[in-house]
Amino acid sequence: MNDGASANPVRGEAAIVAAGETLLLRPSFAALVAAEEELGPLFALVERAAEGQLRLAEIVTLFWHCLADRPEALTRERFGEAVAGQGFAAAMPALKTLLAQILQGR
């Protein structure tokens, strides 16, 4: 389990609780490239978010690629179910942090 308190917002990191664990989301270059390969241009993703058109699958995909230390037993499907199970409101702080990182590019 990661310590969510170790998320460094200056680096664009965020924490999310999923499947009973606090997981660190780190939007590294490699993570964002992998997310972009699957989701398409990240700026378009940010635009869809601003328009309220972001889909749950897109949020889960972005989070999945940004997981810093993915627990071995955690599958993408289980992770998606955990994110969906806690609702959009619980995911919004982490999503906001990641989207800001995409725009700022620190």
Protein backbone atom coordinates (compact mmCIF):
# COMPACT_ATOMS: atom_id res chain seq x y z
CA MET A 1 0.00 0.00 0.00
CA ASN A 2 1.21 3.46 -0.82
CA ASP A 3 1.02 6.32 1.63
CA GLY A 4 -1.32 8.89 0.10
CA ALA A 5 0.35 11.58 2.20
CA SER A 6 3.46 11.09 0.09
CA ALA A 7 1.69 12.47 -3.01
CA ASN A 8 3.58 15.57 -4.05
CA PRO A 9 1.12 18.03 -5.61
CA VAL A 10 3.99 20.20 -6.85
CA ARG A 11 4.98 17.27 -9.09
CA GLY A 12 1.38 16.78 -10.13
CA GLU A 13 0.96 13.67 -8.00
CA ALA A 14 -2.32 12.72 -6.40
CA ALA A 15 -3.67 9.91 -4.26
CA ILE A 16 -6.81 7.88 -4.73
CA VAL A 17 -8.34 5.17 -2.59
CA ALA A 18 -9.28 2.13 -4.64
CA ALA A 19 -9.84 -1.49 -3.66
CA GLY A 20 -9.13 -0.59 -0.04
CA GLU A 21 -5.71 0.87 -0.75
CA THR A 22 -4.41 4.40 -1.07
CA LEU A 23 -2.66 4.51 -4.42
CA LEU A 24 -0.27 7.13 -5.74
CA LEU A 25 -0.95 8.62 -9.16
CA ARG A 26 2.19 10.04 -10.77
CA PRO A 27 1.74 11.61 -14.21
CA SER A 28 5.23 10.88 -15.49
CA PHE A 29 6.09 11.43 -19.13
CA ALA A 30 5.93 7.68 -19.80
CA ALA A 31 2.57 7.38 -18.06
CA LEU A 32 1.07 10.28 -20.01
CA VAL A 33 2.40 8.94 -23.31
CA ALA A 34 0.82 5.55 -22.57
CA ALA A 35 -2.47 7.22 -21.65
CA GLU A 36 -2.37 9.33 -24.81
CA GLU A 37 -1.74 6.25 -26.95
CA GLU A 38 -4.96 4.78 -25.64
CA LEU A 39 -7.12 7.89 -25.20
CA GLY A 40 -5.95 10.14 -28.00
CA PRO A 41 -4.57 13.67 -27.53
CA LEU A 42 -4.46 14.69 -23.89
CA PHE A 43 -5.46 18.27 -24.67
CA ALA A 44 -8.70 16.90 -26.15
CA LEU A 45 -9.17 14.93 -22.93
CA VAL A 46 -8.81 18.14 -20.93
CA GLU A 47 -11.30 19.88 -23.24
CA ARG A 48 -13.83 17.06 -22.78
CA ALA A 49 -13.38 17.32 -19.02
CA ALA A 50 -13.99 21.09 -19.13
CA GLU A 51 -17.17 20.48 -21.14
CA GLY A 52 -18.40 17.81 -18.72
CA GLN A 53 -18.01 15.17 -21.43
CA LEU A 54 -15.33 12.98 -19.81
CA ARG A 55 -16.35 9.33 -19.57
CA LEU A 56 -15.69 7.06 -16.61
CA ALA A 57 -13.62 4.77 -18.85
CA GLU A 58 -11.36 7.71 -19.74
CA ILE A 59 -10.84 8.64 -16.09
CA VAL A 60 -10.00 5.05 -15.18
CA THR A 61 -7.62 4.77 -18.14
CA LEU A 62 -5.77 7.95 -17.19
CA PHE A 63 -5.55 6.84 -13.56
CA TRP A 64 -4.44 3.32 -14.52
CA HIS A 65 -1.53 4.56 -16.59
CA CYS A 66 -0.51 7.02 -13.86
CA LEU A 67 -0.46 4.46 -11.03
CA ALA A 68 3.03 4.74 -9.58
CA ASP A 69 3.26 1.35 -7.89
CA ARG A 70 0.50 -0.90 -9.12
CA PRO A 71 -0.22 -3.72 -6.65
CA GLU A 72 0.33 -7.09 -8.32
CA ALA A 73 -3.13 -8.35 -7.47
CA LEU A 74 -4.86 -5.24 -8.82
CA THR A 75 -6.30 -5.77 -12.27
CA ARG A 76 -7.50 -2.94 -14.45
CA GLU A 77 -11.06 -4.24 -14.22
CA ARG A 78 -10.93 -4.39 -10.42
CA PHE A 79 -9.40 -0.91 -10.32
CA GLY A 80 -12.14 0.44 -12.59
CA GLU A 81 -14.83 -1.14 -10.42
CA ALA A 82 -13.26 0.42 -7.32
CA VAL A 83 -13.10 3.89 -8.89
CA ALA A 84 -16.69 3.60 -10.14
CA GLY A 85 -17.86 2.19 -6.82
CA GLN A 86 -16.78 5.24 -4.88
CA GLY A 87 -18.36 7.66 -7.36
CA PHE A 88 -17.20 10.61 -9.41
CA ALA A 89 -17.00 12.97 -6.43
CA ALA A 90 -14.28 10.85 -4.80
CA ALA A 91 -12.22 10.78 -8.02
CA MET A 92 -12.50 14.49 -8.80
CA PRO A 93 -9.61 15.81 -6.62
CA ALA A 94 -7.16 13.36 -8.20
CA LEU A 95 -8.53 14.01 -11.69
CA LYS A 96 -8.25 17.76 -11.20
CA THR A 97 -4.61 17.39 -10.13
CA LEU A 98 -3.73 15.22 -13.13
CA LEU A 99 -5.50 17.48 -15.61
CA ALA A 100 -3.70 20.51 -14.17
CA GLN A 101 -0.41 18.65 -14.59
CA ILE A 102 -1.22 17.91 -18.23
CA LEU A 103 -1.89 21.59 -18.87
CA GLN A 104 1.07 22.92 -16.87
CA GLY A 105 3.58 20.30 -17.95
CA ARG A 106 5.86 20.54 -14.94
